Amino acid sequence: MNKFNYQENIPNNVNLNDNLSLQRALEQWQPKFQNWWKNMGPDGFQNSDVYLRTATSVDSAGWASYGKVKMPDYRWGIFLAERSKDKKIGFGDFKNQPVWQQVPGDYRSILRRLIVTQGDTEPASVEQQRMLGKTCPSLYDLRNLFQINVEEGRHLWAMAYLLHAYFGRDGREEADGLLERHSGDKDNPRILGTFNEPITDWVSFIMFTYFTDRDGKFQLKSLAESGFDPLARTCQFMLTEEAHHMQVGETSITRMIDKTLETMKNNNSDSESKIRSYGAIDLPTIQKYINFWFSSSLDLFGSESSSNAATAFANGLKGRPDERQYGDNMELDTSYLIESHENGKIVNKEVPTRNAMNEITRIAYIKDCEIGVKRWNRMIQKSGFDFTLSLPSSRFRRNIGIWSEMNFDINGKIITKAKYKNNIFSWIPSETDKDFINSLMVQVTEPGKTASWISPPSRGINSLEINYKYVDIK
């Protein structure tokens, strides 16, 4: 078992005390991070004691320890999965060659860009969610929010370490930049559009954790295949924590739908206005939030056909999630069929498989998203109501890639710009919908109590009771 040294100023399992210049550089970055957390982290809860999980080892038997801690005192650090002896690159032109322990000079720029882009998403989500504690539906949910926040902070540390350790002065400047950009900032926003979207309510938050954090899962899986071994090992460990974020999303959406169905049954009605009047969220509004966050998250994968994705794959820097499942890990002369358009019509088009890596990953992501939707529909059917939730077409509301200059309805049918504008708020939340959702966002902090719009959890955290005081608010 690879234990972390918690006696050090920066807990780590990378022998940081053997590299004094790197240790000093990170210790200079640490106060900047702490200042960022104070100013941009959860607002109003810095002195609260929170029941949090902290990593203690990287193996499955002991990677987490639970206890109450103030978030500014959380033991962030640098944790990499165990190094595999004789590990080989699994794809691209360097397949079966030894993985790199140092950055190959020819690929320095592209690797840095991959790390910075991933690293930029981690603090962005903390910034997006910083005000949510003031409208938490329960102490249980408040604790889950903070657990996600501190882990995103640790994921920021993971990327900052790679930049400091392997990219010299450029890396140190990029690590500083991760703290200088801010979500939604007019002059210095986050790199990816989804991470500049405001999250002012908990419905958006739980949709974000289901859909956008799931994108994070697939990006981390792709980077965990990297021939640059420190990056691969970093992402392997991050995936362990990312799974919790998606679980929060899936179980929270399930609880929200459960409350809606309970309200519908108790009142023998599926009327949107009546369901709203009882403090629950009607199914059509839930569908609108699914449409918004799913379509927004699709853009995070990039263009359907991408020379940058082809280069990253060819050079062994970023593979496909679970690369071993593919029979051909080189894809030298193979092609892949993607949807495109010609003269206003949707057509199938062959592109080199290496250029289609973004689309291959996006399709795998969509299939993964469908699992939860199917489960929620089974709940609705079991309750006896005629309503089906669905994912919108992958062409809908796209701002990046083949479909970005075209207008589609929710089913992927080409429509005019005027028709799109006239109908968009029948597909995604309108200001009226948002006002209603915000009217439900009332803070509930009495142990064991839950807001009107979501059912209580089925069980507590780490075998504790549901009514345990997960957060001591001060």
Protein backbone atom coordinates (compact mmCIF):
# COMPACT_ATOMS: atom_id res chain seq x y z
CA MET A 1 0.00 0.00 0.00
CA ASN A 2 1.35 3.40 -0.98
CA LYS A 3 0.67 5.64 2.05
CA PHE A 4 0.66 9.40 1.90
CA ASN A 5 2.98 11.42 4.09
CA TYR A 6 0.55 13.52 6.12
CA GLN A 7 3.35 14.99 8.19
CA GLU A 8 4.48 17.10 5.27
CA ASN A 9 3.13 20.53 4.48
CA ILE A 10 1.82 19.08 1.20
CA PRO A 11 0.63 15.46 1.67
CA ASN A 12 1.91 13.34 -1.18
CA ASN A 13 3.06 9.94 -2.36
CA VAL A 14 5.55 11.27 -4.93
CA ASN A 15 8.52 11.73 -2.56
CA LEU A 16 8.25 15.47 -2.75
CA ASN A 17 10.83 15.95 0.00
CA ASP A 18 13.46 14.42 -2.34
CA ASN A 19 13.03 17.31 -4.79
CA LEU A 20 13.57 20.49 -2.81
CA SER A 21 13.19 22.92 -5.73
CA LEU A 22 9.84 21.39 -6.69
CA GLN A 23 8.78 21.35 -3.05
CA ARG A 24 9.60 25.04 -2.69
CA ALA A 25 7.74 25.89 -5.91
CA LEU A 26 4.61 24.10 -4.72
CA GLU A 27 4.88 25.62 -1.26
CA GLN A 28 4.89 29.03 -2.96
CA TRP A 29 1.79 28.01 -4.96
CA GLN A 30 0.00 26.66 -1.90
CA PRO A 31 -0.86 30.09 -0.32
CA LYS A 32 -2.23 31.20 -3.70
CA PHE A 33 -4.47 28.13 -3.72
CA GLN A 34 -5.57 28.77 -0.14
CA ASN A 35 -6.37 32.39 -0.98
CA TRP A 36 -8.36 31.22 -4.02
CA TRP A 37 -10.28 28.75 -1.84
CA LYS A 38 -11.05 31.46 0.72
CA ASN A 39 -12.33 33.89 -1.94
CA MET A 40 -13.88 31.51 -4.47
CA GLY A 41 -14.74 28.37 -2.50
CA PRO A 42 -18.02 27.65 -0.65
CA ASP A 43 -19.36 30.97 0.58
CA GLY A 44 -20.26 31.26 4.27
CA PHE A 45 -19.07 27.84 5.44
CA GLN A 46 -15.30 28.18 5.88
CA ASN A 47 -15.58 27.75 9.67
CA SER A 48 -18.07 24.88 9.58
CA ASP A 49 -17.03 21.38 10.60
CA VAL A 50 -17.92 19.04 7.74
CA TYR A 51 -17.98 15.24 7.71
CA LEU A 52 -15.58 14.62 4.84
CA ARG A 53 -13.69 11.77 3.26
CA THR A 54 -9.94 12.22 2.89
CA ALA A 55 -7.60 10.02 0.87
CA THR A 56 -5.18 7.95 2.95
CA SER A 57 -3.87 5.49 0.36
CA VAL A 58 -4.33 4.77 -3.32
CA ASP A 59 -5.41 1.14 -3.07
CA SER A 60 -9.06 0.11 -2.98
CA ALA A 61 -8.86 -1.08 0.63
CA GLY A 62 -7.93 2.18 2.26
CA TRP A 63 -8.12 5.17 -0.01
CA ALA A 64 -10.47 7.10 2.29
CA SER A 65 -10.77 8.17 5.92
CA TYR A 66 -13.85 9.93 7.34
CA GLY A 67 -14.06 12.64 9.95
CA LYS A 68 -15.13 16.20 10.61
CA VAL A 69 -12.83 18.94 9.40
CA LYS A 70 -13.04 22.58 8.44
CA MET A 71 -12.69 22.82 4.68
CA PRO A 72 -9.71 25.25 4.69
CA ASP A 73 -7.90 22.62 6.82
CA TYR A 74 -8.68 19.77 4.42
CA ARG A 75 -5.52 17.81 3.58
CA TRP A 76 -5.25 18.43 -0.14
CA GLY A 77 -2.25 16.84 -1.73
CA ILE A 78 -0.65 14.99 -4.61
CA PHE A 79 -1.67 11.37 -5.06
CA LEU A 80 -0.75 9.14 -8.00
CA ALA A 81 -1.83 5.55 -8.58
CA GLU A 82 0.84 2.91 -8.10
CA ARG A 83 3.46 2.74 -10.83
CA SER A 84 3.34 -0.42 -12.95
CA LYS A 85 6.66 -2.01 -13.78
CA ASP A 86 7.42 -2.45 -17.50
CA LYS A 87 4.26 -0.62 -18.52
CA LYS A 88 3.89 -0.05 -22.27
CA ILE A 89 2.08 2.56 -24.33
CA GLY A 90 -1.22 1.02 -25.39
CA PHE A 91 -2.12 2.87 -28.61
CA GLY A 92 -0.96 5.05 -31.47
CA ASP A 93 2.35 5.13 -33.30
CA PHE A 94 4.32 4.28 -30.14
CA LYS A 95 2.22 1.27 -29.17
CA ASN A 96 4.16 -1.32 -27.11
CA GLN A 97 7.03 1.08 -26.43
CA PRO A 98 7.82 1.90 -22.76
CA VAL A 99 5.72 4.69 -21.25
CA TRP A 100 7.42 8.04 -20.70
CA GLN A 101 8.38 9.21 -17.23
CA GLN A 102 9.44 12.59 -18.60
CA VAL A 103 7.73 14.82 -21.16
CA PRO A 104 8.90 14.00 -24.71
CA GLY A 105 10.28 17.26 -26.11
CA ASP A 106 8.30 17.08 -29.34
CA TYR A 107 5.01 16.82 -27.46
CA ARG A 108 5.62 19.32 -24.69
CA SER A 109 3.14 21.90 -26.00
CA ILE A 110 0.23 19.54 -26.67
CA LEU A 111 0.68 17.75 -23.34
CA ARG A 112 0.72 21.05 -21.49
CA ARG A 113 -2.48 22.09 -23.27
CA LEU A 114 -4.20 18.83 -22.34
CA ILE A 115 -3.23 19.22 -18.68
CA VAL A 116 -4.17 22.89 -18.50
CA THR A 117 -7.57 22.30 -20.11
CA GLN A 118 -8.36 19.47 -17.70
CA GLY A 119 -6.97 21.42 -14.76
CA ASP A 120 -9.05 24.48 -15.60
CA THR A 121 -12.32 22.57 -15.17
CA GLU A 122 -11.59 21.58 -11.56
CA PRO A 123 -11.62 25.00 -9.85
CA ALA A 124 -14.27 26.21 -12.30
CA SER A 125 -16.92 23.89 -10.87
CA VAL A 126 -16.10 24.99 -7.32
CA GLU A 127 -16.62 28.59 -8.39
CA GLN A 128 -19.89 27.74 -10.13
CA GLN A 129 -21.21 26.06 -6.98
CA ARG A 130 -19.89 28.41 -4.30
CA MET A 131 -23.26 29.93 -3.31
CA LEU A 132 -25.28 26.69 -3.22
CA GLY A 133 -24.75 26.00 0.47
CA LYS A 134 -27.16 28.83 1.28
CA THR A 135 -30.05 26.93 -0.34
CA CYS A 136 -29.16 23.31 0.52
CA PRO A 137 -32.14 20.90 0.69
CA SER A 138 -30.63 19.03 3.67
CA LEU A 139 -27.44 18.67 5.72
CA TYR A 140 -26.82 15.38 3.88
CA ASP A 141 -26.87 17.19 0.53
CA LEU A 142 -24.80 20.07 1.90
CA ARG A 143 -22.11 17.61 2.95
CA ASN A 144 -22.13 15.98 -0.50
CA LEU A 145 -21.70 19.38 -2.13
CA PHE A 146 -18.69 20.13 0.05
CA GLN A 147 -17.19 16.67 -0.53
CA ILE A 148 -17.32 17.31 -4.25
CA ASN A 149 -15.86 20.78 -3.80
CA VAL A 150 -12.82 19.65 -1.79
CA GLU A 151 -12.17 16.81 -4.24
CA GLU A 152 -12.30 19.21 -7.18
CA GLY A 153 -9.78 21.25 -5.23
CA ARG A 154 -7.55 18.20 -4.93
CA HIS A 155 -7.91 17.51 -8.64
CA LEU A 156 -6.67 21.04 -9.21
CA TRP A 157 -3.66 20.17 -7.06
CA ALA A 158 -3.10 17.07 -9.21
CA MET A 159 -2.83 19.09 -12.42
CA ALA A 160 -0.82 21.88 -10.76
CA TYR A 161 1.72 19.29 -9.61
CA LEU A 162 2.20 17.97 -13.14
CA LEU A 163 2.68 21.51 -14.46
CA HIS A 164 5.22 22.38 -11.76
CA ALA A 165 7.07 19.08 -11.91
CA TYR A 166 7.41 18.63 -15.67
CA PHE A 167 7.03 21.96 -17.46
CA GLY A 168 9.43 24.37 -15.77
CA ARG A 169 8.68 28.09 -15.84
CA ASP A 170 5.88 27.65 -18.39
CA GLY A 171 4.25 25.13 -16.08
CA ARG A 172 4.48 27.42 -13.06
CA GLU A 173 2.84 30.23 -15.02
CA GLU A 174 0.10 27.90 -16.24
CA ALA A 175 -0.51 26.69 -12.66
CA ASP A 176 -0.93 30.31 -11.56
CA GLY A 177 -3.34 30.81 -14.47
CA LEU A 178 -5.57 28.05 -13.12
CA LEU A 179 -6.22 30.29 -10.11
CA GLU A 180 -6.49 33.54 -12.05
CA ARG A 181 -9.25 32.59 -14.49
CA HIS A 182 -12.74 32.52 -12.95
CA SER A 183 -16.02 30.96 -14.02
CA GLY A 184 -18.17 33.48 -15.85
CA ASP A 185 -15.57 36.24 -15.59
CA LYS A 186 -16.13 38.73 -18.40
CA ASP A 187 -12.43 39.42 -18.96
CA ASN A 188 -10.79 36.17 -17.88
CA PRO A 189 -13.29 33.27 -18.07
CA ARG A 190 -12.68 29.56 -17.83
CA ILE A 191 -11.47 27.84 -21.00
CA LEU A 192 -14.54 25.67 -21.72
CA GLY A 193 -17.98 27.23 -22.11
CA THR A 194 -19.92 24.84 -19.88
CA PHE A 195 -17.74 25.85 -16.95
CA ASN A 196 -18.83 29.45 -17.31
CA GLU A 197 -22.53 28.59 -16.99
CA PRO A 198 -24.05 29.89 -13.74
CA ILE A 199 -25.28 27.28 -11.27
CA THR A 200 -27.71 29.15 -9.03
CA ASP A 201 -29.98 26.27 -7.99
CA TRP A 202 -29.68 22.68 -6.86
CA VAL A 203 -31.51 21.23 -9.85
CA SER A 204 -28.74 22.61 -12.06
CA PHE A 205 -26.15 21.30 -9.61
CA ILE A 206 -27.41 17.73 -9.62
CA MET A 207 -27.77 17.79 -13.40
CA PHE A 208 -24.21 19.10 -13.62
CA THR A 209 -22.92 16.26 -11.43
CA TYR A 210 -24.73 13.69 -13.55
CA PHE A 211 -23.96 15.05 -17.03
CA THR A 212 -20.93 17.34 -16.80
CA ASP A 213 -18.99 15.31 -14.24
CA ARG A 214 -19.69 12.30 -16.47
CA ASP A 215 -17.85 14.13 -19.23
CA GLY A 216 -15.05 14.46 -16.67
CA LYS A 217 -15.11 10.69 -16.22
CA PHE A 218 -14.61 10.10 -19.93
CA GLN A 219 -11.91 12.75 -20.26
CA LEU A 220 -10.02 11.28 -17.30
CA LYS A 221 -10.40 7.77 -18.72
CA SER A 222 -8.90 8.97 -22.00
CA LEU A 223 -5.99 10.68 -20.22
CA ALA A 224 -5.49 7.64 -17.97
CA GLU A 225 -4.43 5.79 -21.14
CA SER A 226 -1.67 8.34 -21.83
CA GLY A 227 1.84 7.26 -22.68
CA PHE A 228 3.03 10.02 -20.33
CA ASP A 229 2.89 7.87 -17.21
CA PRO A 230 2.64 10.58 -14.50
CA LEU A 231 -0.47 11.95 -16.21
CA ALA A 232 -1.99 8.49 -16.61
CA ARG A 233 -1.38 7.59 -12.96
CA THR A 234 -2.74 10.93 -11.75
CA CYS A 235 -5.98 10.45 -13.70
CA GLN A 236 -6.38 6.85 -12.56
CA PHE A 237 -6.61 8.01 -8.97
CA MET A 238 -8.83 10.99 -9.82
CA LEU A 239 -11.36 8.60 -11.36
CA THR A 240 -11.91 7.00 -7.96
CA GLU A 241 -13.15 10.33 -6.61
CA GLU A 242 -15.01 11.31 -9.79
CA ALA A 243 -17.26 8.27 -9.36
CA HIS A 244 -18.68 9.79 -6.18
CA HIS A 245 -19.59 13.01 -7.99
CA MET A 246 -21.64 11.13 -10.57
CA GLN A 247 -23.26 9.04 -7.85
CA VAL A 248 -24.40 12.24 -6.15
CA GLY A 249 -25.94 13.34 -9.45
CA GLU A 250 -27.71 10.08 -10.21
CA THR A 251 -29.09 9.50 -6.71
CA SER A 252 -30.17 13.14 -6.34
CA ILE A 253 -32.06 13.15 -9.65
CA THR A 254 -33.64 9.85 -8.60
CA ARG A 255 -34.74 11.41 -5.28
CA MET A 256 -36.14 14.47 -7.08
CA ILE A 257 -38.18 12.32 -9.48
CA ASP A 258 -39.30 10.11 -6.60
CA LYS A 259 -40.69 13.19 -4.81
CA THR A 260 -42.45 14.33 -7.97
CA LEU A 261 -44.06 10.94 -8.50
CA GLU A 262 -45.13 10.76 -4.85
CA THR A 263 -46.78 14.18 -5.23
CA MET A 264 -48.50 13.12 -8.46
CA LYS A 265 -49.85 9.93 -6.87
CA ASN A 266 -51.00 11.62 -3.66
CA ASN A 267 -52.93 14.19 -5.65
CA ASN A 268 -53.96 11.93 -8.53
CA SER A 269 -52.71 14.52 -11.02
CA ASP A 270 -49.97 15.13 -13.54
CA SER A 271 -50.89 18.79 -13.95
CA GLU A 272 -47.72 20.88 -14.08
CA SER A 273 -49.28 23.78 -12.19
CA LYS A 274 -50.75 21.54 -9.50
CA ILE A 275 -47.49 19.65 -8.95
CA ARG A 276 -45.68 22.97 -8.65
CA SER A 277 -48.25 24.26 -6.18
CA TYR A 278 -47.35 21.40 -3.83
CA GLY A 279 -43.66 22.33 -3.90
CA ALA A 280 -42.48 19.55 -6.22
CA ILE A 281 -40.92 19.82 -9.68
CA ASP A 282 -43.05 18.68 -12.60
CA LEU A 283 -41.59 16.13 -15.01
CA PRO A 284 -41.61 18.47 -18.08
CA THR A 285 -39.42 20.93 -16.17
CA ILE A 286 -37.05 18.13 -15.17
CA GLN A 287 -36.87 17.23 -18.87
CA LYS A 288 -35.91 20.83 -19.71
CA TYR A 289 -33.01 20.72 -17.26
CA ILE A 290 -31.85 17.41 -18.73
CA ASN A 291 -31.95 18.99 -22.19
CA PHE A 292 -29.90 21.98 -21.09
CA TRP A 293 -27.10 20.25 -19.20
CA PHE A 294 -26.78 17.27 -21.54
CA SER A 295 -26.51 19.45 -24.65
CA SER A 296 -24.08 21.79 -22.92
CA SER A 297 -21.88 18.88 -21.83
CA LEU A 298 -21.72 17.42 -25.35
CA ASP A 299 -19.65 20.36 -26.52
CA LEU A 300 -16.92 19.48 -24.02
CA PHE A 301 -15.78 16.62 -26.24
CA GLY A 302 -14.83 18.95 -29.09
CA SER A 303 -15.40 18.71 -32.82
CA GLU A 304 -16.65 15.48 -34.38
CA SER A 305 -13.64 15.40 -36.71
CA SER A 306 -10.50 16.81 -35.13
CA SER A 307 -6.88 16.95 -36.27
CA ASN A 308 -5.84 17.75 -32.69
CA ALA A 309 -7.51 14.58 -31.43
CA ALA A 310 -5.81 12.61 -34.21
CA THR A 311 -2.41 14.03 -33.23
CA ALA A 312 -2.92 13.27 -29.54
CA PHE A 313 -3.90 9.68 -30.35
CA ALA A 314 -1.13 9.11 -32.88
CA ASN A 315 1.51 10.33 -30.44
CA GLY A 316 0.26 8.23 -27.54
CA LEU A 317 -0.83 11.22 -25.45
CA LYS A 318 -4.60 10.68 -25.14
CA GLY A 319 -6.41 7.48 -26.00
CA ARG A 320 -9.99 6.33 -25.99
CA PRO A 321 -11.64 5.39 -22.67
CA ASP A 322 -10.79 1.78 -21.86
CA GLU A 323 -8.55 1.56 -24.91
CA ARG A 324 -8.02 -2.20 -24.53
CA GLN A 325 -11.62 -2.88 -25.58
CA TYR A 326 -10.76 -1.90 -29.16
CA GLY A 327 -9.28 -4.52 -31.46
CA ASP A 328 -7.12 -2.01 -33.33
CA ASN A 329 -5.20 0.34 -31.06
CA MET A 330 -3.28 2.00 -33.86
CA GLU A 331 -6.04 2.84 -36.39
CA LEU A 332 -3.49 3.64 -39.09
CA ASP A 333 -5.59 3.16 -42.20
CA THR A 334 -9.09 2.71 -40.78
CA SER A 335 -12.10 4.97 -41.17
CA TYR A 336 -15.11 5.85 -39.06
CA LEU A 337 -18.59 6.88 -40.14
CA ILE A 338 -19.85 10.14 -38.65
CA GLU A 339 -22.92 12.24 -39.35
CA SER A 340 -22.37 15.46 -41.28
CA HIS A 341 -24.37 17.75 -43.54
CA GLU A 342 -24.32 18.74 -47.18
CA ASN A 343 -26.66 21.25 -48.83
CA GLY A 344 -28.84 21.37 -45.75
CA LYS A 345 -29.21 17.60 -45.53
CA ILE A 346 -27.81 15.18 -42.96
CA VAL A 347 -25.47 12.64 -44.53
CA ASN A 348 -23.03 9.97 -43.37
CA LYS A 349 -19.39 10.74 -43.98
CA GLU A 350 -16.25 8.64 -43.63
CA VAL A 351 -13.31 10.20 -41.81
CA PRO A 352 -10.03 8.67 -40.61
CA THR A 353 -10.69 6.93 -37.28
CA ARG A 354 -7.93 8.93 -35.62
CA ASN A 355 -9.77 12.13 -36.50
CA ALA A 356 -12.99 10.73 -35.00
CA MET A 357 -11.67 10.14 -31.48
CA ASN A 358 -13.79 12.92 -29.98
CA GLU A 359 -16.94 11.52 -31.56
CA ILE A 360 -16.14 7.95 -30.52
CA THR A 361 -15.77 9.13 -26.93
CA ARG A 362 -18.91 11.27 -27.13
CA ILE A 363 -20.99 8.30 -28.32
CA ALA A 364 -19.70 6.20 -25.40
CA TYR A 365 -20.64 9.08 -23.08
CA ILE A 366 -24.18 9.26 -24.50
CA LYS A 367 -24.69 5.53 -23.94
CA ASP A 368 -23.52 5.95 -20.35
CA CYS A 369 -25.93 8.85 -19.80
CA GLU A 370 -28.81 6.73 -21.08
CA ILE A 371 -28.41 4.24 -18.22
CA GLY A 372 -29.78 6.67 -15.64
CA VAL A 373 -32.55 7.90 -17.96
CA LYS A 374 -33.78 4.33 -18.44
CA ARG A 375 -33.80 3.81 -14.68
CA TRP A 376 -35.85 6.98 -14.12
CA ASN A 377 -38.33 5.95 -16.80
CA ARG A 378 -38.83 2.62 -15.07
CA MET A 379 -39.72 4.57 -11.92
CA ILE A 380 -42.26 6.65 -13.84
CA GLN A 381 -43.81 3.61 -15.55
CA LYS A 382 -44.02 1.73 -12.26
CA SER A 383 -45.93 4.67 -10.81
CA GLY A 384 -48.47 4.40 -13.62
CA PHE A 385 -47.90 7.73 -15.34
CA ASP A 386 -47.61 8.22 -19.09
CA PHE A 387 -44.43 10.26 -19.38
CA THR A 388 -41.00 9.38 -20.78
CA LEU A 389 -37.79 11.27 -20.10
CA SER A 390 -35.21 11.25 -22.88
CA LEU A 391 -31.90 12.68 -23.98
CA PRO A 392 -32.18 15.30 -26.73
CA SER A 393 -30.54 14.75 -30.09
CA SER A 394 -26.77 15.24 -30.05
CA ARG A 395 -27.31 17.90 -32.74
CA PHE A 396 -29.48 20.04 -30.49
CA ARG A 397 -28.07 23.35 -29.15
CA ARG A 398 -24.49 22.69 -30.16
CA ASN A 399 -21.90 25.47 -30.16
CA ILE A 400 -18.86 23.44 -31.20
CA GLY A 401 -18.38 21.10 -34.14
CA ILE A 402 -20.30 20.16 -37.26
CA TRP A 403 -23.70 21.23 -35.96
CA SER A 404 -22.72 24.56 -34.39
CA GLU A 405 -23.86 26.73 -37.31
CA MET A 406 -27.22 25.00 -37.74
CA ASN A 407 -30.56 24.98 -35.90
CA PHE A 408 -32.20 21.76 -34.75
CA ASP A 409 -35.22 20.88 -32.69
CA ILE A 410 -35.04 18.54 -29.73
CA ASN A 411 -35.29 15.48 -32.01
CA GLY A 412 -32.46 16.58 -34.28
CA LYS A 413 -34.60 17.85 -37.14
CA ILE A 414 -33.25 20.84 -39.07
CA ILE A 415 -35.40 23.93 -38.49
CA THR A 416 -35.17 27.63 -39.31
CA LYS A 417 -33.45 30.06 -37.00
CA ALA A 418 -36.78 31.79 -36.36
CA LYS A 419 -38.48 28.54 -35.38
CA TYR A 420 -35.57 27.69 -33.10
CA LYS A 421 -35.83 31.05 -31.32
CA ASN A 422 -39.59 30.77 -30.98
CA ASN A 423 -39.42 27.29 -29.45
CA ILE A 424 -36.18 27.18 -27.47
CA PHE A 425 -37.84 27.78 -24.10
CA SER A 426 -40.19 24.90 -24.64
CA TRP A 427 -37.03 22.76 -24.66
CA ILE A 428 -34.75 24.35 -22.06
CA PRO A 429 -35.62 26.24 -18.85
CA SER A 430 -37.27 29.62 -19.37
CA GLU A 431 -36.91 32.52 -16.96
CA THR A 432 -40.30 31.54 -15.56
CA ASP A 433 -39.05 27.99 -14.98
CA LYS A 434 -35.91 29.29 -13.29
CA ASP A 435 -37.93 31.63 -11.09
CA PHE A 436 -40.08 28.70 -9.96
CA ILE A 437 -37.05 26.51 -9.25
CA ASN A 438 -35.39 29.32 -7.31
CA SER A 439 -38.57 29.76 -5.26
CA LEU A 440 -38.06 26.20 -3.99
CA MET A 441 -34.45 26.78 -3.03
CA VAL A 442 -34.88 27.29 0.70
CA GLN A 443 -32.08 26.21 3.02
CA VAL A 444 -32.94 23.23 5.23
CA THR A 445 -30.35 22.52 7.94
CA GLU A 446 -32.29 20.69 10.65
CA PRO A 447 -30.80 17.17 10.91
CA GLY A 448 -33.04 14.60 9.23
CA LYS A 449 -35.20 17.21 7.45
CA THR A 450 -35.38 17.61 3.65
CA ALA A 451 -36.75 20.29 1.32
CA SER A 452 -40.15 19.81 -0.36
CA TRP A 453 -38.83 19.14 -3.86
CA ILE A 454 -36.62 16.12 -3.15
CA SER A 455 -37.07 12.88 -1.21
CA PRO A 456 -34.82 12.08 1.77
CA PRO A 457 -31.83 9.85 1.01
CA SER A 458 -32.35 6.11 1.42
CA ARG A 459 -29.30 5.74 3.68
CA GLY A 460 -26.67 7.83 5.38
CA ILE A 461 -22.98 8.26 4.58
CA ASN A 462 -20.42 5.71 5.76
CA SER A 463 -23.10 3.76 7.69
CA LEU A 464 -24.21 6.82 9.67
CA GLU A 465 -27.86 7.66 10.25
CA ILE A 466 -29.67 9.88 7.76
CA ASN A 467 -30.33 12.39 10.53
CA TYR A 468 -26.66 12.62 11.52
CA LYS A 469 -25.41 16.20 11.75
CA TYR A 470 -23.12 16.05 8.71
CA VAL A 471 -22.28 19.75 8.89
CA ASP A 472 -21.88 21.85 12.04
CA ILE A 473 -22.77 25.28 10.70
CA LYS A 474 -20.97 28.12 12.45
